[in-house]
Amino acid sequence: MMNVPNINTSFSPKIGIFWLIMENGVPRFLTDMISVDEGEQYGDSVTWSGHYDFWEKIRTQNKTPLQAVS
């Protein structure tokens, strides 16, 4: 069996954000998630807040975005 670190095995509903980036010439998914209970109300929806702050943190680490999806 393969040992995969940092995998969330919780079955509670989650919301999040992801980007596909290039890191050292290798495409990778960059993700962040929170429980729905921690999300921000936006009308009738719940959203992951902090898109801009999250990307600014990553951008300063010299990641190259392939595609931004939110």
PDB file of N, CA and C in Angstrom:
ATOM      1  N   MET A   1       0.837  -1.178   0.000  1.00  0.00           N
ATOM      2  CA  MET A   1       0.000   0.000   0.000  1.00  0.00           C
ATOM      3  C   MET A   1       0.884   1.245   0.000  1.00  0.00           C
ATOM      4  N   MET A   2       0.532   2.217  -0.809  1.00  0.00           N
ATOM      5  CA  MET A   2       1.301   3.450  -0.927  1.00  0.00           C
ATOM      6  C   MET A   2       0.997   4.385   0.239  1.00  0.00           C
ATOM      7  N   ASN A   3       2.016   4.945   0.850  1.00  0.00           N
ATOM      8  CA  ASN A   3       1.844   5.892   1.946  1.00  0.00           C
ATOM      9  C   ASN A   3       1.781   7.297   1.364  1.00  0.00           C
ATOM     10  N   VAL A   4       0.601   7.936   1.438  1.00  0.00           N
ATOM     11  CA  VAL A   4       0.409   9.278   0.896  1.00  0.00           C
ATOM     12  C   VAL A   4       0.200  10.226   2.072  1.00  0.00           C
ATOM     13  N   PRO A   5       1.148  11.144   2.323  1.00  0.00           N
ATOM     14  CA  PRO A   5       1.017  12.060   3.453  1.00  0.00           C
ATOM     15  C   PRO A   5      -0.003  13.163   3.194  1.00  0.00           C
ATOM     16  N   ASN A   6      -0.541  13.708   4.269  1.00  0.00           N
ATOM     17  CA  ASN A   6      -1.408  14.889   4.226  1.00  0.00           C
ATOM     18  C   ASN A   6      -2.700  14.706   3.434  1.00  0.00           C
ATOM     19  N   ILE A   7      -3.247  13.524   3.437  1.00  0.00           N
ATOM     20  CA  ILE A   7      -4.527  13.291   2.789  1.00  0.00           C
ATOM     21  C   ILE A   7      -5.603  13.394   3.865  1.00  0.00           C
ATOM     22  N   ASN A   8      -6.591  14.253   3.625  1.00  0.00           N
ATOM     23  CA  ASN A   8      -7.683  14.422   4.565  1.00  0.00           C
ATOM     24  C   ASN A   8      -8.697  13.311   4.322  1.00  0.00           C
ATOM     25  N   THR A   9      -8.876  12.432   5.286  1.00  0.00           N
ATOM     26  CA  THR A   9      -9.801  11.324   5.127  1.00  0.00           C
ATOM     27  C   THR A   9     -11.138  11.602   5.808  1.00  0.00           C
ATOM     28  N   SER A  10     -11.351  12.811   6.243  1.00  0.00           N
ATOM     29  CA  SER A  10     -12.610  13.208   6.853  1.00  0.00           C
ATOM     30  C   SER A  10     -13.718  13.177   5.809  1.00  0.00           C
ATOM     31  N   PHE A  11     -14.905  12.785   6.228  1.00  0.00           N
ATOM     32  CA  PHE A  11     -16.026  12.732   5.304  1.00  0.00           C
ATOM     33  C   PHE A  11     -16.967  13.912   5.475  1.00  0.00           C
ATOM     34  N   SER A  12     -16.555  14.929   6.226  1.00  0.00           N
ATOM     35  CA  SER A  12     -17.393  16.115   6.369  1.00  0.00           C
ATOM     36  C   SER A  12     -17.290  16.958   5.094  1.00  0.00           C
ATOM     37  N   PRO A  13     -18.369  17.653   4.726  1.00  0.00           N
ATOM     38  CA  PRO A  13     -18.343  18.466   3.503  1.00  0.00           C
ATOM     39  C   PRO A  13     -17.265  19.543   3.560  1.00  0.00           C
ATOM     40  N   LYS A  14     -16.591  19.746   2.447  1.00  0.00           N
ATOM     41  CA  LYS A  14     -15.514  20.722   2.344  1.00  0.00           C
ATOM     42  C   LYS A  14     -15.768  21.642   1.158  1.00  0.00           C
ATOM     43  N   ILE A  15     -15.192  22.834   1.229  1.00  0.00           N
ATOM     44  CA  ILE A  15     -15.139  23.750   0.106  1.00  0.00           C
ATOM     45  C   ILE A  15     -13.699  24.217  -0.010  1.00  0.00           C
ATOM     46  N   GLY A  16     -13.322  24.642  -1.199  1.00  0.00           N
ATOM     47  CA  GLY A  16     -11.938  25.060  -1.330  1.00  0.00           C
ATOM     48  C   GLY A  16     -11.646  25.709  -2.648  1.00  0.00           C
ATOM     49  N   ILE A  17     -10.361  25.818  -2.895  1.00  0.00           N
ATOM     50  CA  ILE A  17      -9.852  26.466  -4.093  1.00  0.00           C
ATOM     51  C   ILE A  17      -8.686  25.643  -4.614  1.00  0.00           C
ATOM     52  N   PHE A  18      -8.452  25.722  -5.925  1.00  0.00           N
ATOM     53  CA  PHE A  18      -7.276  25.038  -6.459  1.00  0.00           C
ATOM     54  C   PHE A  18      -6.759  25.770  -7.684  1.00  0.00           C
ATOM     55  N   TRP A  19      -5.480  25.617  -7.899  1.00  0.00           N
ATOM     56  CA  TRP A  19      -4.804  26.115  -9.087  1.00  0.00           C
ATOM     57  C   TRP A  19      -3.956  24.983  -9.636  1.00  0.00           C
ATOM     58  N   LEU A  20      -3.733  25.017 -10.921  1.00  0.00           N
ATOM     59  CA  LEU A  20      -2.762  24.134 -11.559  1.00  0.00           C
ATOM     60  C   LEU A  20      -1.540  25.002 -11.829  1.00  0.00           C
ATOM     61  N   ILE A  21      -0.390  24.624 -11.263  1.00  0.00           N
ATOM     62  CA  ILE A  21       0.824  25.433 -11.360  1.00  0.00           C
ATOM     63  C   ILE A  21       1.970  24.600 -11.918  1.00  0.00           C
ATOM     64  N   MET A  22       3.030  25.291 -12.333  1.00  0.00           N
ATOM     65  CA  MET A  22       4.285  24.629 -12.691  1.00  0.00           C
ATOM     66  C   MET A  22       5.250  24.859 -11.544  1.00  0.00           C
ATOM     67  N   GLU A  23       5.851  23.792 -11.055  1.00  0.00           N
ATOM     68  CA  GLU A  23       6.837  23.883  -9.991  1.00  0.00           C
ATOM     69  C   GLU A  23       8.055  23.080 -10.421  1.00  0.00           C
ATOM     70  N   ASN A  24       9.156  23.767 -10.672  1.00  0.00           N
ATOM     71  CA  ASN A  24      10.381  23.124 -11.157  1.00  0.00           C
ATOM     72  C   ASN A  24      10.120  22.314 -12.425  1.00  0.00           C
ATOM     73  N   GLY A  25       9.302  22.877 -13.314  1.00  0.00           N
ATOM     74  CA  GLY A  25       9.001  22.227 -14.584  1.00  0.00           C
ATOM     75  C   GLY A  25       7.993  21.100 -14.504  1.00  0.00           C
ATOM     76  N   VAL A  26       7.388  20.881 -13.341  1.00  0.00           N
ATOM     77  CA  VAL A  26       6.423  19.799 -13.146  1.00  0.00           C
ATOM     78  C   VAL A  26       5.053  20.402 -12.837  1.00  0.00           C
ATOM     79  N   PRO A  27       3.998  20.020 -13.585  1.00  0.00           N
ATOM     80  CA  PRO A  27       2.669  20.531 -13.268  1.00  0.00           C
ATOM     81  C   PRO A  27       2.160  19.907 -11.968  1.00  0.00           C
ATOM     82  N   ARG A  28       1.575  20.750 -11.109  1.00  0.00           N
ATOM     83  CA  ARG A  28       1.048  20.281  -9.821  1.00  0.00           C
ATOM     84  C   ARG A  28      -0.230  21.035  -9.498  1.00  0.00           C
ATOM     85  N   PHE A  29      -1.109  20.373  -8.761  1.00  0.00           N
ATOM     86  CA  PHE A  29      -2.279  21.044  -8.223  1.00  0.00           C
ATOM     87  C   PHE A  29      -1.907  21.654  -6.887  1.00  0.00           C
ATOM     88  N   LEU A  30      -2.340  22.875  -6.687  1.00  0.00           N
ATOM     89  CA  LEU A  30      -2.147  23.578  -5.433  1.00  0.00           C
ATOM     90  C   LEU A  30      -3.544  23.806  -4.871  1.00  0.00           C
ATOM     91  N   THR A  31      -3.816  23.298  -3.683  1.00  0.00           N
ATOM     92  CA  THR A  31      -5.170  23.342  -3.143  1.00  0.00           C
ATOM     93  C   THR A  31      -5.196  23.824  -1.705  1.00  0.00           C
ATOM     94  N   ASP A  32      -6.358  24.259  -1.307  1.00  0.00           N
ATOM     95  CA  ASP A  32      -6.625  24.576   0.084  1.00  0.00           C
ATOM     96  C   ASP A  32      -8.105  24.332   0.313  1.00  0.00           C
ATOM     97  N   MET A  33      -8.461  23.809   1.472  1.00  0.00           N
ATOM     98  CA  MET A  33      -9.869  23.559   1.755  1.00  0.00           C
ATOM     99  C   MET A  33     -10.175  23.784   3.227  1.00  0.00           C
ATOM    100  N   ILE A  34     -11.449  24.043   3.469  1.00  0.00           N
ATOM    101  CA  ILE A  34     -11.964  24.208   4.825  1.00  0.00           C
ATOM    102  C   ILE A  34     -13.303  23.491   4.901  1.00  0.00           C
ATOM    103  N   SER A  35     -13.780  23.269   6.109  1.00  0.00           N
ATOM    104  CA  SER A  35     -15.104  22.666   6.241  1.00  0.00           C
ATOM    105  C   SER A  35     -16.154  23.691   5.825  1.00  0.00           C
ATOM    106  N   VAL A  36     -17.296  23.219   5.382  1.00  0.00           N
ATOM    107  CA  VAL A  36     -18.380  24.112   4.985  1.00  0.00           C
ATOM    108  C   VAL A  36     -18.760  25.022   6.145  1.00  0.00           C
ATOM    109  N   ASP A  37     -18.711  24.500   7.361  1.00  0.00           N
ATOM    110  CA  ASP A  37     -19.044  25.306   8.543  1.00  0.00           C
ATOM    111  C   ASP A  37     -18.131  26.512   8.702  1.00  0.00           C
ATOM    112  N   GLU A  38     -16.899  26.426   8.201  1.00  0.00           N
ATOM    113  CA  GLU A  38     -15.946  27.528   8.292  1.00  0.00           C
ATOM    114  C   GLU A  38     -16.040  28.495   7.112  1.00  0.00           C
ATOM    115  N   GLY A  39     -16.850  28.168   6.121  1.00  0.00           N
ATOM    116  CA  GLY A  39     -16.965  28.982   4.921  1.00  0.00           C
ATOM    117  C   GLY A  39     -17.638  30.318   5.175  1.00  0.00           C
ATOM    118  N   GLU A  40     -17.576  31.158   4.171  1.00  0.00           N
ATOM    119  CA  GLU A  40     -18.161  32.492   4.240  1.00  0.00           C
ATOM    120  C   GLU A  40     -19.487  32.507   3.492  1.00  0.00           C
ATOM    121  N   GLN A  41     -20.540  32.986   4.152  1.00  0.00           N
ATOM    122  CA  GLN A  41     -21.847  33.101   3.502  1.00  0.00           C
ATOM    123  C   GLN A  41     -21.762  34.104   2.367  1.00  0.00           C
ATOM    124  N   TYR A  42     -22.303  33.746   1.222  1.00  0.00           N
ATOM    125  CA  TYR A  42     -22.347  34.631   0.067  1.00  0.00           C
ATOM    126  C   TYR A  42     -23.703  34.422  -0.589  1.00  0.00           C
ATOM    127  N   GLY A  43     -24.676  35.213  -0.165  1.00  0.00           N
ATOM    128  CA  GLY A  43     -26.050  35.007  -0.626  1.00  0.00           C
ATOM    129  C   GLY A  43     -26.554  33.672  -0.116  1.00  0.00           C
ATOM    130  N   ASP A  44     -27.040  32.838  -1.022  1.00  0.00           N
ATOM    131  CA  ASP A  44     -27.527  31.502  -0.656  1.00  0.00           C
ATOM    132  C   ASP A  44     -26.422  30.456  -0.682  1.00  0.00           C
ATOM    133  N   SER A  45     -25.211  30.871  -0.927  1.00  0.00           N
ATOM    134  CA  SER A  45     -24.085  29.945  -1.055  1.00  0.00           C
ATOM    135  C   SER A  45     -23.099  30.109   0.092  1.00  0.00           C
ATOM    136  N   VAL A  46     -22.195  29.155   0.171  1.00  0.00           N
ATOM    137  CA  VAL A  46     -21.068  29.234   1.092  1.00  0.00           C
ATOM    138  C   VAL A  46     -19.820  29.155   0.229  1.00  0.00           C
ATOM    139  N   THR A  47     -18.863  30.028   0.487  1.00  0.00           N
ATOM    140  CA  THR A  47     -17.670  30.080  -0.350  1.00  0.00           C
ATOM    141  C   THR A  47     -16.402  30.022   0.490  1.00  0.00           C
ATOM    142  N   TRP A  48     -15.344  29.626  -0.142  1.00  0.00           N
ATOM    143  CA  TRP A  48     -14.003  29.667   0.450  1.00  0.00           C
ATOM    144  C   TRP A  48     -13.538  31.098   0.248  1.00  0.00           C
ATOM    145  N   SER A  49     -13.244  31.802   1.304  1.00  0.00           N
ATOM    146  CA  SER A  49     -12.819  33.196   1.151  1.00  0.00           C
ATOM    147  C   SER A  49     -11.297  33.268   1.138  1.00  0.00           C
ATOM    148  N   GLY A  50     -10.778  34.365   0.686  1.00  0.00           N
ATOM    149  CA  GLY A  50      -9.337  34.560   0.704  1.00  0.00           C
ATOM    150  C   GLY A  50      -8.628  34.197  -0.574  1.00  0.00           C
ATOM    151  N   HIS A  51      -9.342  34.137  -1.725  1.00  0.00           N
ATOM    152  CA  HIS A  51      -8.713  33.779  -2.994  1.00  0.00           C
ATOM    153  C   HIS A  51      -7.480  34.643  -3.267  1.00  0.00           C
ATOM    154  N   TYR A  52      -7.651  35.946  -3.164  1.00  0.00           N
ATOM    155  CA  TYR A  52      -6.563  36.863  -3.489  1.00  0.00           C
ATOM    156  C   TYR A  52      -5.387  36.687  -2.533  1.00  0.00           C
ATOM    157  N   ASP A  53      -5.666  36.638  -1.228  1.00  0.00           N
ATOM    158  CA  ASP A  53      -4.589  36.485  -0.241  1.00  0.00           C
ATOM    159  C   ASP A  53      -3.847  35.165  -0.435  1.00  0.00           C
ATOM    160  N   PHE A  54      -4.581  34.109  -0.730  1.00  0.00           N
ATOM    161  CA  PHE A  54      -3.966  32.798  -0.955  1.00  0.00           C
ATOM    162  C   PHE A  54      -3.031  32.858  -2.160  1.00  0.00           C
ATOM    163  N   TRP A  55      -3.503  33.441  -3.277  1.00  0.00           N
ATOM    164  CA  TRP A  55      -2.665  33.511  -4.465  1.00  0.00           C
ATOM    165  C   TRP A  55      -1.448  34.395  -4.228  1.00  0.00           C
ATOM    166  N   GLU A  56      -1.599  35.512  -3.532  1.00  0.00           N
ATOM    167  CA  GLU A  56      -0.457  36.383  -3.257  1.00  0.00           C
ATOM    168  C   GLU A  56       0.613  35.638  -2.466  1.00  0.00           C
ATOM    169  N   LYS A  57       0.206  34.814  -1.528  1.00  0.00           N
ATOM    170  CA  LYS A  57       1.158  34.013  -0.753  1.00  0.00           C
ATOM    171  C   LYS A  57       1.922  33.058  -1.681  1.00  0.00           C
ATOM    172  N   ILE A  58       1.203  32.407  -2.574  1.00  0.00           N
ATOM    173  CA  ILE A  58       1.820  31.455  -3.500  1.00  0.00           C
ATOM    174  C   ILE A  58       2.692  32.179  -4.519  1.00  0.00           C
ATOM    175  N   ARG A  59       2.191  33.305  -5.038  1.00  0.00           N
ATOM    176  CA  ARG A  59       2.917  34.059  -6.061  1.00  0.00           C
ATOM    177  C   ARG A  59       4.296  34.470  -5.559  1.00  0.00           C
ATOM    178  N   THR A  60       4.404  34.817  -4.291  1.00  0.00           N
ATOM    179  CA  THR A  60       5.686  35.239  -3.733  1.00  0.00           C
ATOM    180  C   THR A  60       6.670  34.073  -3.615  1.00  0.00           C
ATOM    181  N   GLN A  61       6.178  32.848  -3.803  1.00  0.00           N
ATOM    182  CA  GLN A  61       7.052  31.671  -3.775  1.00  0.00           C
ATOM    183  C   GLN A  61       7.479  31.279  -5.191  1.00  0.00           C
ATOM    184  N   ASN A  62       7.247  32.190  -6.158  1.00  0.00           N
ATOM    185  CA  ASN A  62       7.654  31.996  -7.552  1.00  0.00           C
ATOM    186  C   ASN A  62       7.024  30.781  -8.219  1.00  0.00           C
ATOM    187  N   LYS A  63       5.755  30.518  -7.906  1.00  0.00           N
ATOM    188  CA  LYS A  63       5.014  29.474  -8.612  1.00  0.00           C
ATOM    189  C   LYS A  63       4.500  30.074  -9.909  1.00  0.00           C
ATOM    190  N   THR A  64       4.401  29.285 -10.950  1.00  0.00           N
ATOM    191  CA  THR A  64       3.910  29.759 -12.243  1.00  0.00           C
ATOM    192  C   THR A  64       2.535  29.164 -12.485  1.00  0.00           C
ATOM    193  N   PRO A  65       1.492  30.006 -12.562  1.00  0.00           N
ATOM    194  CA  PRO A  65       0.159  29.454 -12.763  1.00  0.00           C
ATOM    195  C   PRO A  65      -0.017  28.950 -14.197  1.00  0.00           C
ATOM    196  N   LEU A  66      -0.624  27.784 -14.334  1.00  0.00           N
ATOM    197  CA  LEU A  66      -1.018  27.293 -15.644  1.00  0.00           C
ATOM    198  C   LEU A  66      -2.451  27.720 -15.917  1.00  0.00           C
ATOM    199  N   GLN A  67      -3.269  27.636 -14.865  1.00  0.00           N
ATOM    200  CA  GLN A  67      -4.669  27.972 -15.003  1.00  0.00           C
ATOM    201  C   GLN A  67      -5.202  28.320 -13.625  1.00  0.00           C
ATOM    202  N   ALA A  68      -5.893  29.416 -13.503  1.00  0.00           N
ATOM    203  CA  ALA A  68      -6.498  29.796 -12.233  1.00  0.00           C
ATOM    204  C   ALA A  68      -7.963  29.420 -12.289  1.00  0.00           C
ATOM    205  N   VAL A  69      -8.414  28.653 -11.296  1.00  0.00           N
ATOM    206  CA  VAL A  69      -9.811  28.219 -11.232  1.00  0.00           C
ATOM    207  C   VAL A  69     -10.308  28.502  -9.829  1.00  0.00           C
ATOM    208  N   SER A  70     -11.438  29.111  -9.705  1.00  0.00           N
ATOM    209  CA  SER A  70     -12.007  29.347  -8.378  1.00  0.00           C
ATOM    210  C   SER A  70     -13.460  29.008  -8.338  1.00  0.00           C
TER     211      SER A  70
END
